[in-house]
Amino acid sequence: MTFEEFYVQYLELHANPWCRRLHVLGLLAEVMLLGIVGVTQVWWLLALFPVPIYGLAWLGHFLFAQNHAATFRHPLWSVIGYWRMMAEMATGKIAW
């Protein structure tokens, strides 16, 4: 399977707009967490780094898309697919 073939399947898993919106919300929450760490310099908070992005993304899959995230089957491609999807949402290629 090529990445392009995987990405078609990845987008099918993210067809629900609320699932995609929770992915974006997770990214924003993660950026806020990094900002808090940068301002407070409470470095142990970096241990929480995966919580907002994965927690909200999985919540989107569970509540709205009613499917399973591709994270465990293809971890590297899932990360690449996530960032590609975020870029395509930011540029308007994929609807919010």
N, C-alpha and C. Protein backbone atom coordinates (compact mmCIF):
# COMPACT_ATOMS: atom_id res chain seq x y z
N MET A 1 0.84 -1.17 0.00
CA MET A 1 0.00 0.00 0.00
C MET A 1 0.89 1.24 0.00
N THR A 2 0.59 2.18 -0.86
CA THR A 2 1.32 3.44 -0.90
C THR A 2 0.68 4.43 0.07
N PHE A 3 1.38 5.53 0.32
CA PHE A 3 0.79 6.55 1.18
C PHE A 3 -0.46 7.13 0.55
N GLU A 4 -0.46 7.33 -0.75
CA GLU A 4 -1.64 7.90 -1.42
C GLU A 4 -2.85 6.99 -1.24
N GLU A 5 -2.65 5.68 -1.33
CA GLU A 5 -3.75 4.74 -1.10
C GLU A 5 -4.21 4.82 0.36
N PHE A 6 -3.25 4.91 1.28
CA PHE A 6 -3.59 5.06 2.69
C PHE A 6 -4.37 6.34 2.92
N TYR A 7 -3.94 7.42 2.29
CA TYR A 7 -4.55 8.72 2.54
C TYR A 7 -6.02 8.75 2.09
N VAL A 8 -6.34 8.05 1.04
CA VAL A 8 -7.74 7.94 0.62
C VAL A 8 -8.55 7.29 1.75
N GLN A 9 -8.03 6.23 2.33
CA GLN A 9 -8.70 5.56 3.45
C GLN A 9 -8.75 6.47 4.68
N TYR A 10 -7.67 7.20 4.90
CA TYR A 10 -7.60 8.12 6.04
C TYR A 10 -8.70 9.17 5.94
N LEU A 11 -8.88 9.72 4.75
CA LEU A 11 -9.93 10.72 4.57
C LEU A 11 -11.32 10.13 4.74
N GLU A 12 -11.49 8.88 4.38
CA GLU A 12 -12.78 8.21 4.60
C GLU A 12 -13.07 8.10 6.10
N LEU A 13 -12.04 7.84 6.90
CA LEU A 13 -12.21 7.77 8.34
C LEU A 13 -12.54 9.14 8.94
N HIS A 14 -12.21 10.20 8.20
CA HIS A 14 -12.42 11.56 8.68
C HIS A 14 -13.49 12.28 7.85
N ALA A 15 -14.42 11.53 7.29
CA ALA A 15 -15.46 12.12 6.45
C ALA A 15 -16.42 12.99 7.26
N ASN A 16 -16.61 12.67 8.53
CA ASN A 16 -17.52 13.45 9.36
C ASN A 16 -16.87 14.79 9.72
N PRO A 17 -17.54 15.91 9.43
CA PRO A 17 -16.92 17.21 9.70
C PRO A 17 -16.67 17.47 11.19
N TRP A 18 -17.49 16.94 12.07
CA TRP A 18 -17.26 17.15 13.50
C TRP A 18 -16.05 16.37 13.99
N CYS A 19 -15.79 15.25 13.38
CA CYS A 19 -14.57 14.50 13.70
C CYS A 19 -13.36 15.34 13.32
N ARG A 20 -13.39 15.92 12.12
CA ARG A 20 -12.28 16.77 11.67
C ARG A 20 -12.13 18.00 12.58
N ARG A 21 -13.25 18.58 12.98
CA ARG A 21 -13.20 19.77 13.84
C ARG A 21 -12.57 19.45 15.19
N LEU A 22 -12.85 18.28 15.73
CA LEU A 22 -12.22 17.90 17.00
C LEU A 22 -10.73 17.66 16.82
N HIS A 23 -10.31 17.22 15.64
CA HIS A 23 -8.88 17.10 15.35
C HIS A 23 -8.23 18.48 15.39
N VAL A 24 -8.88 19.46 14.79
CA VAL A 24 -8.35 20.83 14.79
C VAL A 24 -8.33 21.38 16.22
N LEU A 25 -9.40 21.14 16.96
CA LEU A 25 -9.46 21.60 18.35
C LEU A 25 -8.33 20.98 19.17
N GLY A 26 -8.04 19.72 18.93
CA GLY A 26 -6.93 19.06 19.62
C GLY A 26 -5.60 19.72 19.30
N LEU A 27 -5.42 20.10 18.04
CA LEU A 27 -4.18 20.79 17.66
C LEU A 27 -4.08 22.14 18.36
N LEU A 28 -5.18 22.88 18.39
CA LEU A 28 -5.17 24.18 19.07
C LEU A 28 -4.92 24.03 20.57
N ALA A 29 -5.51 23.01 21.18
CA ALA A 29 -5.28 22.76 22.61
C ALA A 29 -3.82 22.41 22.86
N GLU A 30 -3.23 21.68 21.94
CA GLU A 30 -1.82 21.32 22.10
C GLU A 30 -0.92 22.56 21.98
N VAL A 31 -1.24 23.43 21.05
CA VAL A 31 -0.47 24.67 20.91
C VAL A 31 -0.60 25.51 22.18
N MET A 32 -1.81 25.55 22.75
CA MET A 32 -2.01 26.28 24.00
C MET A 32 -1.18 25.66 25.13
N LEU A 33 -1.15 24.34 25.19
CA LEU A 33 -0.35 23.66 26.21
C LEU A 33 1.13 24.02 26.05
N LEU A 34 1.61 24.03 24.82
CA LEU A 34 3.01 24.41 24.59
C LEU A 34 3.26 25.85 25.02
N GLY A 35 2.29 26.73 24.76
CA GLY A 35 2.40 28.12 25.19
C GLY A 35 2.47 28.23 26.71
N ILE A 36 1.64 27.46 27.38
CA ILE A 36 1.64 27.46 28.85
C ILE A 36 2.99 26.98 29.37
N VAL A 37 3.52 25.92 28.77
CA VAL A 37 4.83 25.41 29.19
C VAL A 37 5.90 26.48 28.94
N GLY A 38 5.82 27.14 27.79
CA GLY A 38 6.81 28.17 27.48
C GLY A 38 6.77 29.34 28.44
N VAL A 39 5.58 29.74 28.84
CA VAL A 39 5.45 30.89 29.74
C VAL A 39 5.80 30.51 31.18
N THR A 40 5.28 29.38 31.64
CA THR A 40 5.48 28.99 33.04
C THR A 40 6.79 28.26 33.27
N GLN A 41 7.34 27.68 32.22
CA GLN A 41 8.54 26.85 32.30
C GLN A 41 8.37 25.69 33.28
N VAL A 42 7.16 25.17 33.33
CA VAL A 42 6.87 23.96 34.11
C VAL A 42 7.01 22.81 33.13
N TRP A 43 8.21 22.28 33.06
CA TRP A 43 8.59 21.35 31.99
C TRP A 43 7.91 19.99 32.07
N TRP A 44 7.49 19.57 33.25
CA TRP A 44 6.84 18.27 33.36
C TRP A 44 5.51 18.25 32.60
N LEU A 45 4.95 19.41 32.33
CA LEU A 45 3.70 19.47 31.56
C LEU A 45 3.89 18.93 30.14
N LEU A 46 5.13 18.88 29.67
CA LEU A 46 5.39 18.30 28.35
C LEU A 46 5.00 16.82 28.29
N ALA A 47 4.94 16.18 29.46
CA ALA A 47 4.50 14.78 29.50
C ALA A 47 3.04 14.66 29.05
N LEU A 48 2.29 15.74 29.16
CA LEU A 48 0.88 15.75 28.74
C LEU A 48 0.72 16.07 27.25
N PHE A 49 1.82 16.24 26.56
CA PHE A 49 1.80 16.68 25.16
C PHE A 49 0.85 15.88 24.27
N PRO A 50 0.81 14.55 24.34
CA PRO A 50 -0.08 13.81 23.43
C PRO A 50 -1.56 13.82 23.85
N VAL A 51 -1.86 14.23 25.07
CA VAL A 51 -3.23 14.12 25.57
C VAL A 51 -4.24 14.94 24.78
N PRO A 52 -4.03 16.23 24.56
CA PRO A 52 -5.08 17.00 23.87
C PRO A 52 -5.29 16.56 22.43
N ILE A 53 -4.22 16.34 21.72
CA ILE A 53 -4.36 16.04 20.29
C ILE A 53 -4.97 14.66 20.07
N TYR A 54 -4.49 13.66 20.81
CA TYR A 54 -5.04 12.32 20.65
C TYR A 54 -6.40 12.18 21.33
N GLY A 55 -6.53 12.77 22.51
CA GLY A 55 -7.80 12.66 23.22
C GLY A 55 -8.97 13.22 22.43
N LEU A 56 -8.80 14.41 21.90
CA LEU A 56 -9.90 15.02 21.13
C LEU A 56 -10.10 14.33 19.79
N ALA A 57 -9.02 13.89 19.17
CA ALA A 57 -9.16 13.18 17.90
C ALA A 57 -9.92 11.87 18.10
N TRP A 58 -9.55 11.12 19.11
CA TRP A 58 -10.23 9.84 19.37
C TRP A 58 -11.67 10.07 19.79
N LEU A 59 -11.92 11.15 20.51
CA LEU A 59 -13.29 11.49 20.88
C LEU A 59 -14.12 11.76 19.61
N GLY A 60 -13.52 12.44 18.65
CA GLY A 60 -14.20 12.69 17.38
C GLY A 60 -14.52 11.41 16.64
N HIS A 61 -13.60 10.47 16.67
CA HIS A 61 -13.86 9.18 16.01
C HIS A 61 -14.95 8.41 16.75
N PHE A 62 -14.90 8.42 18.07
CA PHE A 62 -15.85 7.65 18.86
C PHE A 62 -17.26 8.25 18.79
N LEU A 63 -17.37 9.57 18.97
CA LEU A 63 -18.68 10.20 19.04
C LEU A 63 -19.31 10.49 17.69
N PHE A 64 -18.53 10.94 16.74
CA PHE A 64 -19.10 11.44 15.50
C PHE A 64 -18.88 10.54 14.30
N ALA A 65 -17.65 10.13 14.08
CA ALA A 65 -17.37 9.29 12.92
C ALA A 65 -17.77 7.84 13.17
N GLN A 66 -17.78 7.45 14.43
CA GLN A 66 -18.12 6.09 14.85
C GLN A 66 -17.26 5.04 14.12
N ASN A 67 -15.96 5.32 14.13
CA ASN A 67 -14.99 4.38 13.57
C ASN A 67 -13.74 4.44 14.43
N HIS A 68 -12.71 3.76 14.00
CA HIS A 68 -11.46 3.71 14.76
C HIS A 68 -10.39 4.50 14.03
N ALA A 69 -9.60 5.22 14.79
CA ALA A 69 -8.49 5.97 14.22
C ALA A 69 -7.46 5.00 13.62
N ALA A 70 -6.74 5.46 12.63
CA ALA A 70 -5.74 4.63 11.95
C ALA A 70 -4.40 4.63 12.67
N THR A 71 -4.34 5.26 13.82
CA THR A 71 -3.07 5.45 14.53
C THR A 71 -2.32 4.16 14.80
N PHE A 72 -3.01 3.13 15.23
CA PHE A 72 -2.32 1.91 15.63
C PHE A 72 -1.95 1.02 14.45
N ARG A 73 -2.71 1.10 13.37
CA ARG A 73 -2.41 0.27 12.20
C ARG A 73 -1.25 0.85 11.39
N HIS A 74 -1.21 2.16 11.25
CA HIS A 74 -0.17 2.83 10.46
C HIS A 74 0.26 4.10 11.18
N PRO A 75 1.06 3.99 12.24
CA PRO A 75 1.37 5.17 13.05
C PRO A 75 2.07 6.30 12.29
N LEU A 76 3.09 5.99 11.51
CA LEU A 76 3.82 7.05 10.80
C LEU A 76 2.94 7.69 9.74
N TRP A 77 2.27 6.87 8.94
CA TRP A 77 1.41 7.42 7.90
C TRP A 77 0.25 8.20 8.49
N SER A 78 -0.21 7.81 9.67
CA SER A 78 -1.29 8.55 10.32
C SER A 78 -0.84 9.96 10.69
N VAL A 79 0.38 10.07 11.19
CA VAL A 79 0.90 11.40 11.53
C VAL A 79 1.04 12.24 10.28
N ILE A 80 1.59 11.66 9.22
CA ILE A 80 1.74 12.40 7.96
C ILE A 80 0.37 12.75 7.39
N GLY A 81 -0.57 11.80 7.45
CA GLY A 81 -1.92 12.05 6.96
C GLY A 81 -2.62 13.14 7.75
N TYR A 82 -2.41 13.15 9.06
CA TYR A 82 -2.99 14.18 9.92
C TYR A 82 -2.53 15.57 9.48
N TRP A 83 -1.22 15.73 9.31
CA TRP A 83 -0.70 17.04 8.94
C TRP A 83 -1.12 17.44 7.53
N ARG A 84 -1.20 16.46 6.64
CA ARG A 84 -1.68 16.77 5.29
C ARG A 84 -3.15 17.20 5.35
N MET A 85 -3.96 16.51 6.13
CA MET A 85 -5.36 16.88 6.26
C MET A 85 -5.49 18.27 6.88
N MET A 86 -4.68 18.57 7.90
CA MET A 86 -4.71 19.91 8.51
C MET A 86 -4.35 20.97 7.48
N ALA A 87 -3.34 20.70 6.65
CA ALA A 87 -2.94 21.66 5.62
C ALA A 87 -4.05 21.84 4.59
N GLU A 88 -4.69 20.75 4.20
CA GLU A 88 -5.76 20.84 3.22
C GLU A 88 -6.99 21.53 3.79
N MET A 89 -7.22 21.40 5.09
CA MET A 89 -8.30 22.14 5.71
C MET A 89 -7.96 23.62 5.79
N ALA A 90 -6.71 23.93 6.11
CA ALA A 90 -6.28 25.33 6.22
C ALA A 90 -6.36 26.04 4.88
N THR A 91 -6.13 25.32 3.79
CA THR A 91 -6.15 25.94 2.47
C THR A 91 -7.51 25.84 1.79
N GLY A 92 -8.48 25.22 2.46
CA GLY A 92 -9.82 25.13 1.92
C GLY A 92 -10.07 23.97 1.00
N LYS A 93 -9.10 23.10 0.82
CA LYS A 93 -9.30 21.94 -0.05
C LYS A 93 -10.28 20.94 0.58
N ILE A 94 -10.24 20.86 1.91
CA ILE A 94 -11.17 20.02 2.66
C ILE A 94 -11.98 20.96 3.54
N ALA A 95 -13.30 20.77 3.57
CA ALA A 95 -14.18 21.61 4.36
C ALA A 95 -13.96 21.38 5.85
N TRP A 96 -14.18 22.44 6.62
CA TRP A 96 -14.08 22.36 8.08
C TRP A 96 -15.29 21.63 8.58
